[in-house]
Amino acid sequence: MREIVSVGGNGKNCDVPPWQVKYTGKATKQKKVLPPEFSNALLALVKDLQWGGPVQKSWPHYGMIKGQKKNIDIRHCHLNKGYPTYVVAWKVVDKAKKIMEIIHVGTHEKTNYRRMG
């Protein structure tokens, strides 16, 4: 018996997102202590990253983190507006293989952008 797989117009499986998103060990610990409403926002962001790639202009305060070493692509956005503001930062690990890694999840006040990368 053959397995039926849904295929999109480009001949690829529609059920598998084009980008793979992983978490660093530190980010995994950080996401476990997020309040539930921000955990849901993080899941929505991860889904957007998986299907849309690293550029997420629709999220609040999205942007690249400047001052990084050459060829290091780190981006961030806010999960909410107001106080406390929760921030997520992700790194494009391999553009060709479409792999990203979430490297930070936490409040804006505890985020050290200089130490990322």
PDB file of N, CA and C in Angstrom:
ATOM      1  N   MET A   1       0.838  -1.180   0.000  1.00  0.00           N
ATOM      2  CA  MET A   1       0.000   0.000   0.000  1.00  0.00           C
ATOM      3  C   MET A   1       0.886   1.247   0.000  1.00  0.00           C
ATOM      4  N   ARG A   2       0.571   2.200  -0.855  1.00  0.00           N
ATOM      5  CA  ARG A   2       1.346   3.435  -0.950  1.00  0.00           C
ATOM      6  C   ARG A   2       0.840   4.475   0.029  1.00  0.00           C
ATOM      7  N   GLU A   3       1.778   5.264   0.517  1.00  0.00           N
ATOM      8  CA  GLU A   3       1.422   6.380   1.394  1.00  0.00           C
ATOM      9  C   GLU A   3       1.066   7.574   0.522  1.00  0.00           C
ATOM     10  N   ILE A   4      -0.031   8.226   0.832  1.00  0.00           N
ATOM     11  CA  ILE A   4      -0.451   9.399   0.073  1.00  0.00           C
ATOM     12  C   ILE A   4       0.140  10.642   0.723  1.00  0.00           C
ATOM     13  N   VAL A   5       0.832  11.419  -0.061  1.00  0.00           N
ATOM     14  CA  VAL A   5       1.475  12.642   0.426  1.00  0.00           C
ATOM     15  C   VAL A   5       0.924  13.807  -0.361  1.00  0.00           C
ATOM     16  N   SER A   6       0.497  14.853   0.359  1.00  0.00           N
ATOM     17  CA  SER A   6      -0.002  16.035  -0.350  1.00  0.00           C
ATOM     18  C   SER A   6       1.177  16.791  -0.942  1.00  0.00           C
ATOM     19  N   VAL A   7       1.041  17.181  -2.184  1.00  0.00           N
ATOM     20  CA  VAL A   7       2.118  17.843  -2.902  1.00  0.00           C
ATOM     21  C   VAL A   7       1.615  19.170  -3.434  1.00  0.00           C
ATOM     22  N   GLY A   8       2.440  20.209  -3.253  1.00  0.00           N
ATOM     23  CA  GLY A   8       2.075  21.534  -3.738  1.00  0.00           C
ATOM     24  C   GLY A   8       2.402  21.686  -5.211  1.00  0.00           C
ATOM     25  N   GLY A   9       2.157  22.880  -5.724  1.00  0.00           N
ATOM     26  CA  GLY A   9       2.380  23.170  -7.131  1.00  0.00           C
ATOM     27  C   GLY A   9       3.834  23.070  -7.560  1.00  0.00           C
ATOM     28  N   ASN A  10       4.757  23.195  -6.596  1.00  0.00           N
ATOM     29  CA  ASN A  10       6.177  23.112  -6.940  1.00  0.00           C
ATOM     30  C   ASN A  10       6.719  21.693  -6.821  1.00  0.00           C
ATOM     31  N   GLY A  11       5.831  20.718  -6.562  1.00  0.00           N
ATOM     32  CA  GLY A  11       6.253  19.322  -6.493  1.00  0.00           C
ATOM     33  C   GLY A  11       6.816  18.913  -5.147  1.00  0.00           C
ATOM     34  N   LYS A  12       6.716  19.781  -4.148  1.00  0.00           N
ATOM     35  CA  LYS A  12       7.258  19.465  -2.830  1.00  0.00           C
ATOM     36  C   LYS A  12       6.132  19.149  -1.865  1.00  0.00           C
ATOM     37  N   ASN A  13       6.467  18.436  -0.807  1.00  0.00           N
ATOM     38  CA  ASN A  13       5.507  18.057   0.212  1.00  0.00           C
ATOM     39  C   ASN A  13       4.997  19.310   0.925  1.00  0.00           C
ATOM     40  N   CYS A  14       3.674  19.493   0.960  1.00  0.00           N
ATOM     41  CA  CYS A  14       3.061  20.675   1.583  1.00  0.00           C
ATOM     42  C   CYS A  14       3.046  20.589   3.104  1.00  0.00           C
ATOM     43  N   ASP A  15       3.205  19.393   3.650  1.00  0.00           N
ATOM     44  CA  ASP A  15       3.127  19.215   5.093  1.00  0.00           C
ATOM     45  C   ASP A  15       4.450  19.466   5.801  1.00  0.00           C
ATOM     46  N   VAL A  16       5.518  19.568   5.067  1.00  0.00           N
ATOM     47  CA  VAL A  16       6.835  19.780   5.658  1.00  0.00           C
ATOM     48  C   VAL A  16       7.276  21.209   5.364  1.00  0.00           C
ATOM     49  N   PRO A  17       7.492  22.007   6.420  1.00  0.00           N
ATOM     50  CA  PRO A  17       7.917  23.386   6.173  1.00  0.00           C
ATOM     51  C   PRO A  17       9.308  23.428   5.545  1.00  0.00           C
ATOM     52  N   PRO A  18       9.570  24.447   4.728  1.00  0.00           N
ATOM     53  CA  PRO A  18      10.862  24.518   4.051  1.00  0.00           C
ATOM     54  C   PRO A  18      12.037  24.812   4.978  1.00  0.00           C
ATOM     55  N   TRP A  19      11.795  25.497   6.108  1.00  0.00           N
ATOM     56  CA  TRP A  19      12.872  25.843   7.033  1.00  0.00           C
ATOM     57  C   TRP A  19      12.771  24.986   8.291  1.00  0.00           C
ATOM     58  N   GLN A  20      13.919  24.569   8.789  1.00  0.00           N
ATOM     59  CA  GLN A  20      13.989  23.831  10.044  1.00  0.00           C
ATOM     60  C   GLN A  20      14.390  24.818  11.138  1.00  0.00           C
ATOM     61  N   VAL A  21      13.662  24.814  12.254  1.00  0.00           N
ATOM     62  CA  VAL A  21      13.961  25.714  13.371  1.00  0.00           C
ATOM     63  C   VAL A  21      14.287  24.881  14.599  1.00  0.00           C
ATOM     64  N   LYS A  22      15.476  25.109  15.152  1.00  0.00           N
ATOM     65  CA  LYS A  22      15.926  24.408  16.350  1.00  0.00           C
ATOM     66  C   LYS A  22      16.085  25.428  17.476  1.00  0.00           C
ATOM     67  N   TYR A  23      16.294  24.949  18.692  1.00  0.00           N
ATOM     68  CA  TYR A  23      16.566  25.799  19.850  1.00  0.00           C
ATOM     69  C   TYR A  23      17.936  25.430  20.414  1.00  0.00           C
ATOM     70  N   THR A  24      18.676  26.437  20.881  1.00  0.00           N
ATOM     71  CA  THR A  24      19.883  26.141  21.644  1.00  0.00           C
ATOM     72  C   THR A  24      19.432  25.624  23.006  1.00  0.00           C
ATOM     73  N   GLY A  25      20.343  25.034  23.738  1.00  0.00           N
ATOM     74  CA  GLY A  25      20.011  24.548  25.081  1.00  0.00           C
ATOM     75  C   GLY A  25      19.536  25.674  25.977  1.00  0.00           C
ATOM     76  N   LYS A  26      20.190  26.807  25.888  1.00  0.00           N
ATOM     77  CA  LYS A  26      19.821  27.968  26.709  1.00  0.00           C
ATOM     78  C   LYS A  26      18.425  28.468  26.336  1.00  0.00           C
ATOM     79  N   ALA A  27      18.136  28.551  25.050  1.00  0.00           N
ATOM     80  CA  ALA A  27      16.824  29.022  24.604  1.00  0.00           C
ATOM     81  C   ALA A  27      15.725  28.033  25.001  1.00  0.00           C
ATOM     82  N   THR A  28      16.029  26.750  25.023  1.00  0.00           N
ATOM     83  CA  THR A  28      15.055  25.747  25.462  1.00  0.00           C
ATOM     84  C   THR A  28      14.678  25.985  26.918  1.00  0.00           C
ATOM     85  N   LYS A  29      15.675  26.267  27.761  1.00  0.00           N
ATOM     86  CA  LYS A  29      15.409  26.564  29.171  1.00  0.00           C
ATOM     87  C   LYS A  29      14.618  27.858  29.303  1.00  0.00           C
ATOM     88  N   GLN A  30      14.975  28.860  28.498  1.00  0.00           N
ATOM     89  CA  GLN A  30      14.301  30.148  28.575  1.00  0.00           C
ATOM     90  C   GLN A  30      12.827  30.036  28.182  1.00  0.00           C
ATOM     91  N   LYS A  31      12.531  29.242  27.166  1.00  0.00           N
ATOM     92  CA  LYS A  31      11.134  29.138  26.706  1.00  0.00           C
ATOM     93  C   LYS A  31      10.261  28.414  27.721  1.00  0.00           C
ATOM     94  N   LYS A  32      10.852  27.560  28.547  1.00  0.00           N
ATOM     95  CA  LYS A  32      10.084  26.819  29.545  1.00  0.00           C
ATOM     96  C   LYS A  32       9.534  27.718  30.648  1.00  0.00           C
ATOM     97  N   VAL A  33      10.133  28.881  30.859  1.00  0.00           N
ATOM     98  CA  VAL A  33       9.687  29.775  31.930  1.00  0.00           C
ATOM     99  C   VAL A  33       8.851  30.947  31.405  1.00  0.00           C
ATOM    100  N   LEU A  34       8.544  30.942  30.114  1.00  0.00           N
ATOM    101  CA  LEU A  34       7.695  31.998  29.555  1.00  0.00           C
ATOM    102  C   LEU A  34       6.266  31.855  30.070  1.00  0.00           C
ATOM    103  N   PRO A  35       5.593  32.974  30.334  1.00  0.00           N
ATOM    104  CA  PRO A  35       4.160  32.894  30.653  1.00  0.00           C
ATOM    105  C   PRO A  35       3.397  32.299  29.460  1.00  0.00           C
ATOM    106  N   PRO A  36       2.275  31.635  29.710  1.00  0.00           N
ATOM    107  CA  PRO A  36       1.545  30.934  28.637  1.00  0.00           C
ATOM    108  C   PRO A  36       1.201  31.799  27.427  1.00  0.00           C
ATOM    109  N   GLU A  37       0.796  33.034  27.628  1.00  0.00           N
ATOM    110  CA  GLU A  37       0.428  33.868  26.476  1.00  0.00           C
ATOM    111  C   GLU A  37       1.624  34.165  25.579  1.00  0.00           C
ATOM    112  N   PHE A  38       2.826  34.193  26.148  1.00  0.00           N
ATOM    113  CA  PHE A  38       4.017  34.429  25.333  1.00  0.00           C
ATOM    114  C   PHE A  38       4.527  33.133  24.723  1.00  0.00           C
ATOM    115  N   SER A  39       4.251  32.017  25.386  1.00  0.00           N
ATOM    116  CA  SER A  39       4.591  30.712  24.805  1.00  0.00           C
ATOM    117  C   SER A  39       3.811  30.503  23.513  1.00  0.00           C
ATOM    118  N   ASN A  40       2.543  30.892  23.533  1.00  0.00           N
ATOM    119  CA  ASN A  40       1.724  30.770  22.324  1.00  0.00           C
ATOM    120  C   ASN A  40       2.246  31.682  21.217  1.00  0.00           C
ATOM    121  N   ALA A  41       2.664  32.887  21.578  1.00  0.00           N
ATOM    122  CA  ALA A  41       3.231  33.808  20.583  1.00  0.00           C
ATOM    123  C   ALA A  41       4.528  33.238  20.019  1.00  0.00           C
ATOM    124  N   LEU A  42       5.340  32.618  20.871  1.00  0.00           N
ATOM    125  CA  LEU A  42       6.593  32.006  20.404  1.00  0.00           C
ATOM    126  C   LEU A  42       6.300  30.881  19.417  1.00  0.00           C
ATOM    127  N   LEU A  43       5.295  30.057  19.717  1.00  0.00           N
ATOM    128  CA  LEU A  43       4.930  28.983  18.787  1.00  0.00           C
ATOM    129  C   LEU A  43       4.472  29.548  17.442  1.00  0.00           C
ATOM    130  N   ALA A  44       3.728  30.650  17.486  1.00  0.00           N
ATOM    131  CA  ALA A  44       3.293  31.287  16.235  1.00  0.00           C
ATOM    132  C   ALA A  44       4.480  31.825  15.455  1.00  0.00           C
ATOM    133  N   LEU A  45       5.452  32.411  16.162  1.00  0.00           N
ATOM    134  CA  LEU A  45       6.661  32.910  15.494  1.00  0.00           C
ATOM    135  C   LEU A  45       7.441  31.761  14.866  1.00  0.00           C
ATOM    136  N   VAL A  46       7.600  30.662  15.589  1.00  0.00           N
ATOM    137  CA  VAL A  46       8.332  29.501  15.057  1.00  0.00           C
ATOM    138  C   VAL A  46       7.658  28.992  13.794  1.00  0.00           C
ATOM    139  N   LYS A  47       6.339  28.929  13.804  1.00  0.00           N
ATOM    140  CA  LYS A  47       5.612  28.488  12.607  1.00  0.00           C
ATOM    141  C   LYS A  47       5.864  29.453  11.446  1.00  0.00           C
ATOM    142  N   ASP A  48       5.852  30.764  11.726  1.00  0.00           N
ATOM    143  CA  ASP A  48       6.144  31.757  10.692  1.00  0.00           C
ATOM    144  C   ASP A  48       7.572  31.605  10.164  1.00  0.00           C
ATOM    145  N   LEU A  49       8.516  31.307  11.060  1.00  0.00           N
ATOM    146  CA  LEU A  49       9.901  31.102  10.636  1.00  0.00           C
ATOM    147  C   LEU A  49      10.029  29.855   9.762  1.00  0.00           C
ATOM    148  N   GLN A  50       9.350  28.793  10.150  1.00  0.00           N
ATOM    149  CA  GLN A  50       9.422  27.547   9.389  1.00  0.00           C
ATOM    150  C   GLN A  50       8.879  27.725   7.975  1.00  0.00           C
ATOM    151  N   TRP A  51       7.792  28.445   7.837  1.00  0.00           N
ATOM    152  CA  TRP A  51       7.139  28.569   6.534  1.00  0.00           C
ATOM    153  C   TRP A  51       7.596  29.792   5.762  1.00  0.00           C
ATOM    154  N   GLY A  52       8.043  30.851   6.449  1.00  0.00           N
ATOM    155  CA  GLY A  52       8.391  32.086   5.758  1.00  0.00           C
ATOM    156  C   GLY A  52       9.865  32.427   5.731  1.00  0.00           C
ATOM    157  N   GLY A  53      10.684  31.681   6.482  1.00  0.00           N
ATOM    158  CA  GLY A  53      12.104  31.969   6.510  1.00  0.00           C
ATOM    159  C   GLY A  53      12.463  33.007   7.556  1.00  0.00           C
ATOM    160  N   PRO A  54      13.716  33.445   7.558  1.00  0.00           N
ATOM    161  CA  PRO A  54      14.211  34.319   8.628  1.00  0.00           C
ATOM    162  C   PRO A  54      13.678  35.751   8.604  1.00  0.00           C
ATOM    163  N   VAL A  55      13.201  36.226   7.477  1.00  0.00           N
ATOM    164  CA  VAL A  55      12.699  37.602   7.388  1.00  0.00           C
ATOM    165  C   VAL A  55      11.242  37.616   7.854  1.00  0.00           C
ATOM    166  N   GLN A  56      10.982  38.287   8.967  1.00  0.00           N
ATOM    167  CA  GLN A  56       9.648  38.309   9.562  1.00  0.00           C
ATOM    168  C   GLN A  56       9.215  39.750   9.849  1.00  0.00           C
ATOM    169  N   LYS A  57       8.989  40.501   8.802  1.00  0.00           N
ATOM    170  CA  LYS A  57       8.667  41.924   8.921  1.00  0.00           C
ATOM    171  C   LYS A  57       7.330  42.198   9.597  1.00  0.00           C
ATOM    172  N   SER A  58       6.459  41.211   9.685  1.00  0.00           N
ATOM    173  CA  SER A  58       5.149  41.438  10.292  1.00  0.00           C
ATOM    174  C   SER A  58       5.194  41.404  11.825  1.00  0.00           C
ATOM    175  N   TRP A  59       6.301  40.953  12.405  1.00  0.00           N
ATOM    176  CA  TRP A  59       6.427  40.901  13.857  1.00  0.00           C
ATOM    177  C   TRP A  59       6.955  42.238  14.375  1.00  0.00           C
ATOM    178  N   PRO A  60       6.507  42.655  15.576  1.00  0.00           N
ATOM    179  CA  PRO A  60       6.927  43.952  16.128  1.00  0.00           C
ATOM    180  C   PRO A  60       8.443  44.040  16.324  1.00  0.00           C
ATOM    181  N   HIS A  61       8.992  45.155  15.944  1.00  0.00           N
ATOM    182  CA  HIS A  61      10.417  45.490  16.117  1.00  0.00           C
ATOM    183  C   HIS A  61      11.349  44.448  15.502  1.00  0.00           C
ATOM    184  N   TYR A  62      10.915  43.827  14.406  1.00  0.00           N
ATOM    185  CA  TYR A  62      11.775  42.875  13.701  1.00  0.00           C
ATOM    186  C   TYR A  62      12.988  43.606  13.148  1.00  0.00           C
ATOM    187  N   GLY A  63      14.138  42.967  13.191  1.00  0.00           N
ATOM    188  CA  GLY A  63      15.324  43.530  12.570  1.00  0.00           C
ATOM    189  C   GLY A  63      16.528  42.639  12.750  1.00  0.00           C
ATOM    190  N   MET A  64      17.562  42.951  11.991  1.00  0.00           N
ATOM    191  CA  MET A  64      18.827  42.233  12.122  1.00  0.00           C
ATOM    192  C   MET A  64      19.599  42.847  13.279  1.00  0.00           C
ATOM    193  N   ILE A  65      20.369  42.027  13.948  1.00  0.00           N
ATOM    194  CA  ILE A  65      21.220  42.524  15.024  1.00  0.00           C
ATOM    195  C   ILE A  65      22.546  42.913  14.396  1.00  0.00           C
ATOM    196  N   LYS A  66      22.848  44.192  14.498  1.00  0.00           N
ATOM    197  CA  LYS A  66      24.053  44.723  13.860  1.00  0.00           C
ATOM    198  C   LYS A  66      25.259  44.579  14.767  1.00  0.00           C
ATOM    199  N   GLY A  67      26.427  44.720  14.187  1.00  0.00           N
ATOM    200  CA  GLY A  67      27.661  44.637  14.950  1.00  0.00           C
ATOM    201  C   GLY A  67      28.166  43.221  15.125  1.00  0.00           C
ATOM    202  N   GLN A  68      27.626  42.288  14.362  1.00  0.00           N
ATOM    203  CA  GLN A  68      28.066  40.896  14.443  1.00  0.00           C
ATOM    204  C   GLN A  68      29.266  40.679  13.519  1.00  0.00           C
ATOM    205  N   LYS A  69      29.959  39.581  13.737  1.00  0.00           N
ATOM    206  CA  LYS A  69      31.074  39.221  12.863  1.00  0.00           C
ATOM    207  C   LYS A  69      30.549  38.979  11.453  1.00  0.00           C
ATOM    208  N   LYS A  70      31.447  39.053  10.497  1.00  0.00           N
ATOM    209  CA  LYS A  70      31.081  38.855   9.104  1.00  0.00           C
ATOM    210  C   LYS A  70      30.452  37.476   8.905  1.00  0.00           C
ATOM    211  N   ASN A  71      29.445  37.416   8.067  1.00  0.00           N
ATOM    212  CA  ASN A  71      28.730  36.186   7.701  1.00  0.00           C
ATOM    213  C   ASN A  71      27.924  35.580   8.856  1.00  0.00           C
ATOM    214  N   ILE A  72      27.644  36.354   9.902  1.00  0.00           N
ATOM    215  CA  ILE A  72      26.771  35.877  10.968  1.00  0.00           C
ATOM    216  C   ILE A  72      25.460  36.631  10.846  1.00  0.00           C
ATOM    217  N   ASP A  73      24.383  35.889  10.650  1.00  0.00           N
ATOM    218  CA  ASP A  73      23.065  36.460  10.404  1.00  0.00           C
ATOM    219  C   ASP A  73      22.172  36.186  11.606  1.00  0.00           C
ATOM    220  N   ILE A  74      22.022  37.200  12.472  1.00  0.00           N
ATOM    221  CA  ILE A  74      21.169  37.082  13.644  1.00  0.00           C
ATOM    222  C   ILE A  74      20.077  38.132  13.550  1.00  0.00           C
ATOM    223  N   ARG A  75      18.844  37.701  13.813  1.00  0.00           N
ATOM    224  CA  ARG A  75      17.685  38.590  13.726  1.00  0.00           C
ATOM    225  C   ARG A  75      16.879  38.460  15.011  1.00  0.00           C
ATOM    226  N   HIS A  76      16.003  39.419  15.230  1.00  0.00           N
ATOM    227  CA  HIS A  76      15.173  39.371  16.425  1.00  0.00           C
ATOM    228  C   HIS A  76      13.837  40.053  16.188  1.00  0.00           C
ATOM    229  N   CYS A  77      12.917  39.822  17.102  1.00  0.00           N
ATOM    230  CA  CYS A  77      11.641  40.547  17.116  1.00  0.00           C
ATOM    231  C   CYS A  77      11.086  40.486  18.523  1.00  0.00           C
ATOM    232  N   HIS A  78      10.054  41.267  18.754  1.00  0.00           N
ATOM    233  CA  HIS A  78       9.365  41.249  20.042  1.00  0.00           C
ATOM    234  C   HIS A  78       8.126  40.374  19.914  1.00  0.00           C
ATOM    235  N   LEU A  79       7.807  39.677  20.986  1.00  0.00           N
ATOM    236  CA  LEU A  79       6.599  38.861  21.006  1.00  0.00           C
ATOM    237  C   LEU A  79       5.377  39.681  21.388  1.00  0.00           C
ATOM    238  N   ASN A  80       5.602  40.842  21.989  1.00  0.00           N
ATOM    239  CA  ASN A  80       4.500  41.669  22.460  1.00  0.00           C
ATOM    240  C   ASN A  80       4.923  43.136  22.478  1.00  0.00           C
ATOM    241  N   LYS A  81       3.946  43.983  22.705  1.00  0.00           N
ATOM    242  CA  LYS A  81       4.199  45.402  22.920  1.00  0.00           C
ATOM    243  C   LYS A  81       3.887  45.673  24.383  1.00  0.00           C
ATOM    244  N   GLY A  82       4.532  46.640  24.953  1.00  0.00           N
ATOM    245  CA  GLY A  82       4.273  46.950  26.347  1.00  0.00           C
ATOM    246  C   GLY A  82       5.372  46.447  27.251  1.00  0.00           C
ATOM    247  N   TYR A  83       5.066  46.386  28.551  1.00  0.00           N
ATOM    248  CA  TYR A  83       6.064  46.033  29.547  1.00  0.00           C
ATOM    249  C   TYR A  83       5.576  44.862  30.371  1.00  0.00           C
ATOM    250  N   PRO A  84       6.345  43.849  30.658  1.00  0.00           N
ATOM    251  CA  PRO A  84       7.678  43.617  30.102  1.00  0.00           C
ATOM    252  C   PRO A  84       7.590  43.146  28.654  1.00  0.00           C
ATOM    253  N   THR A  85       8.559  43.521  27.876  1.00  0.00           N
ATOM    254  CA  THR A  85       8.617  43.132  26.468  1.00  0.00           C
ATOM    255  C   THR A  85       9.452  41.864  26.344  1.00  0.00           C
ATOM    256  N   TYR A  86       8.909  40.869  25.667  1.00  0.00           N
ATOM    257  CA  TYR A  86       9.629  39.615  25.442  1.00  0.00           C
ATOM    258  C   TYR A  86      10.225  39.607  24.041  1.00  0.00           C
ATOM    259  N   VAL A  87      11.488  39.185  23.974  1.00  0.00           N
ATOM    260  CA  VAL A  87      12.278  39.219  22.743  1.00  0.00           C
ATOM    261  C   VAL A  87      12.683  37.798  22.366  1.00  0.00           C
ATOM    262  N   VAL A  88      12.700  37.547  21.060  1.00  0.00           N
ATOM    263  CA  VAL A  88      13.227  36.282  20.538  1.00  0.00           C
ATOM    264  C   VAL A  88      14.295  36.632  19.514  1.00  0.00           C
ATOM    265  N   ALA A  89      15.441  35.956  19.606  1.00  0.00           N
ATOM    266  CA  ALA A  89      16.515  36.142  18.626  1.00  0.00           C
ATOM    267  C   ALA A  89      16.820  34.793  17.983  1.00  0.00           C
ATOM    268  N   TRP A  90      17.049  34.819  16.671  1.00  0.00           N
ATOM    269  CA  TRP A  90      17.370  33.592  15.952  1.00  0.00           C
ATOM    270  C   TRP A  90      18.533  33.840  15.007  1.00  0.00           C
ATOM    271  N   LYS A  91      19.228  32.753  14.732  1.00  0.00           N
ATOM    272  CA  LYS A  91      20.425  32.790  13.894  1.00  0.00           C
ATOM    273  C   LYS A  91      20.192  31.886  12.686  1.00  0.00           C
ATOM    274  N   VAL A  92      20.561  32.386  11.510  1.00  0.00           N
ATOM    275  CA  VAL A  92      20.515  31.554  10.310  1.00  0.00           C
ATOM    276  C   VAL A  92      21.802  30.735  10.320  1.00  0.00           C
ATOM    277  N   VAL A  93      21.659  29.451  10.572  1.00  0.00           N
ATOM    278  CA  VAL A  93      22.811  28.555  10.696  1.00  0.00           C
ATOM    279  C   VAL A  93      23.321  28.131   9.324  1.00  0.00           C
ATOM    280  N   ASP A  94      22.400  27.742   8.447  1.00  0.00           N
ATOM    281  CA  ASP A  94      22.765  27.287   7.110  1.00  0.00           C
ATOM    282  C   ASP A  94      21.671  27.713   6.138  1.00  0.00           C
ATOM    283  N   LYS A  95      21.974  28.729   5.342  1.00  0.00           N
ATOM    284  CA  LYS A  95      20.981  29.259   4.405  1.00  0.00           C
ATOM    285  C   LYS A  95      20.655  28.249   3.302  1.00  0.00           C
ATOM    286  N   ALA A  96      21.654  27.522   2.832  1.00  0.00           N
ATOM    287  CA  ALA A  96      21.445  26.551   1.752  1.00  0.00           C
ATOM    288  C   ALA A  96      20.565  25.389   2.210  1.00  0.00           C
ATOM    289  N   LYS A  97      20.806  24.893   3.435  1.00  0.00           N
ATOM    290  CA  LYS A  97      20.011  23.778   3.963  1.00  0.00           C
ATOM    291  C   LYS A  97      18.759  24.262   4.686  1.00  0.00           C
ATOM    292  N   LYS A  98      18.614  25.584   4.799  1.00  0.00           N
ATOM    293  CA  LYS A  98      17.451  26.225   5.433  1.00  0.00           C
ATOM    294  C   LYS A  98      17.288  25.787   6.889  1.00  0.00           C
ATOM    295  N   ILE A  99      18.315  26.109   7.677  1.00  0.00           N
ATOM    296  CA  ILE A  99      18.299  25.782   9.101  1.00  0.00           C
ATOM    297  C   ILE A  99      18.497  27.065   9.909  1.00  0.00           C
ATOM    298  N   MET A 100      17.603  27.286  10.872  1.00  0.00           N
ATOM    299  CA  MET A 100      17.719  28.398  11.810  1.00  0.00           C
ATOM    300  C   MET A 100      17.760  27.840  13.223  1.00  0.00           C
ATOM    301  N   GLU A 101      18.292  28.666  14.132  1.00  0.00           N
ATOM    302  CA  GLU A 101      18.378  28.255  15.521  1.00  0.00           C
ATOM    303  C   GLU A 101      17.941  29.430  16.397  1.00  0.00           C
ATOM    304  N   ILE A 102      16.979  29.190  17.269  1.00  0.00           N
ATOM    305  CA  ILE A 102      16.575  30.219  18.220  1.00  0.00           C
ATOM    306  C   ILE A 102      17.616  30.230  19.328  1.00  0.00           C
ATOM    307  N   ILE A 103      18.219  31.408  19.536  1.00  0.00           N
ATOM    308  CA  ILE A 103      19.326  31.510  20.483  1.00  0.00           C
ATOM    309  C   ILE A 103      18.967  32.259  21.762  1.00  0.00           C
ATOM    310  N   HIS A 104      17.831  32.993  21.753  1.00  0.00           N
ATOM    311  CA  HIS A 104      17.442  33.733  22.959  1.00  0.00           C
ATOM    312  C   HIS A 104      15.934  33.914  23.002  1.00  0.00           C
ATOM    313  N   VAL A 105      15.368  33.695  24.181  1.00  0.00           N
ATOM    314  CA  VAL A 105      13.951  33.948  24.445  1.00  0.00           C
ATOM    315  C   VAL A 105      13.889  34.563  25.834  1.00  0.00           C
ATOM    316  N   GLY A 106      13.438  35.797  25.939  1.00  0.00           N
ATOM    317  CA  GLY A 106      13.354  36.402  27.266  1.00  0.00           C
ATOM    318  C   GLY A 106      12.928  37.847  27.215  1.00  0.00           C
ATOM    319  N   THR A 107      12.992  38.483  28.364  1.00  0.00           N
ATOM    320  CA  THR A 107      12.585  39.880  28.445  1.00  0.00           C
ATOM    321  C   THR A 107      13.633  40.774  27.800  1.00  0.00           C
ATOM    322  N   HIS A 108      13.174  41.888  27.304  1.00  0.00           N
ATOM    323  CA  HIS A 108      14.054  42.853  26.641  1.00  0.00           C
ATOM    324  C   HIS A 108      15.123  43.343  27.610  1.00  0.00           C
ATOM    325  N   GLU A 109      14.757  43.502  28.859  1.00  0.00           N
ATOM    326  CA  GLU A 109      15.692  44.026  29.864  1.00  0.00           C
ATOM    327  C   GLU A 109      16.866  43.088  30.107  1.00  0.00           C
ATOM    328  N   LYS A 110      16.669  41.796  29.922  1.00  0.00           N
ATOM    329  CA  LYS A 110      17.738  40.820  30.179  1.00  0.00           C
ATOM    330  C   LYS A 110      18.468  40.400  28.913  1.00  0.00           C
ATOM    331  N   THR A 111      18.197  41.066  27.814  1.00  0.00           N
ATOM    332  CA  THR A 111      18.804  40.691  26.547  1.00  0.00           C
ATOM    333  C   THR A 111      20.093  41.462  26.332  1.00  0.00           C
ATOM    334  N   ASN A 112      21.168  40.728  26.083  1.00  0.00           N
ATOM    335  CA  ASN A 112      22.463  41.337  25.803  1.00  0.00           C
ATOM    336  C   ASN A 112      22.787  41.046  24.332  1.00  0.00           C
ATOM    337  N   TYR A 113      22.486  41.993  23.466  1.00  0.00           N
ATOM    338  CA  TYR A 113      22.669  41.788  22.027  1.00  0.00           C
ATOM    339  C   TYR A 113      24.142  41.648  21.647  1.00  0.00           C
ATOM    340  N   ARG A 114      25.033  42.210  22.406  1.00  0.00           N
ATOM    341  CA  ARG A 114      26.467  42.127  22.090  1.00  0.00           C
ATOM    342  C   ARG A 114      27.021  40.714  22.275  1.00  0.00           C
ATOM    343  N   ARG A 115      26.393  39.929  23.119  1.00  0.00           N
ATOM    344  CA  ARG A 115      26.905  38.581  23.388  1.00  0.00           C
ATOM    345  C   ARG A 115      26.323  37.537  22.441  1.00  0.00           C
ATOM    346  N   MET A 116      25.440  37.948  21.568  1.00  0.00           N
ATOM    347  CA  MET A 116      24.850  36.998  20.618  1.00  0.00           C
ATOM    348  C   MET A 116      25.799  36.785  19.452  1.00  0.00           C
ATOM    349  N   GLY A 117      25.873  35.578  19.011  1.00  0.00           N
ATOM    350  CA  GLY A 117      26.692  35.299  17.840  1.00  0.00           C
ATOM    351  C   GLY A 117      27.851  34.499  18.183  1.00  0.00           C
TER     352      GLY A 117
END
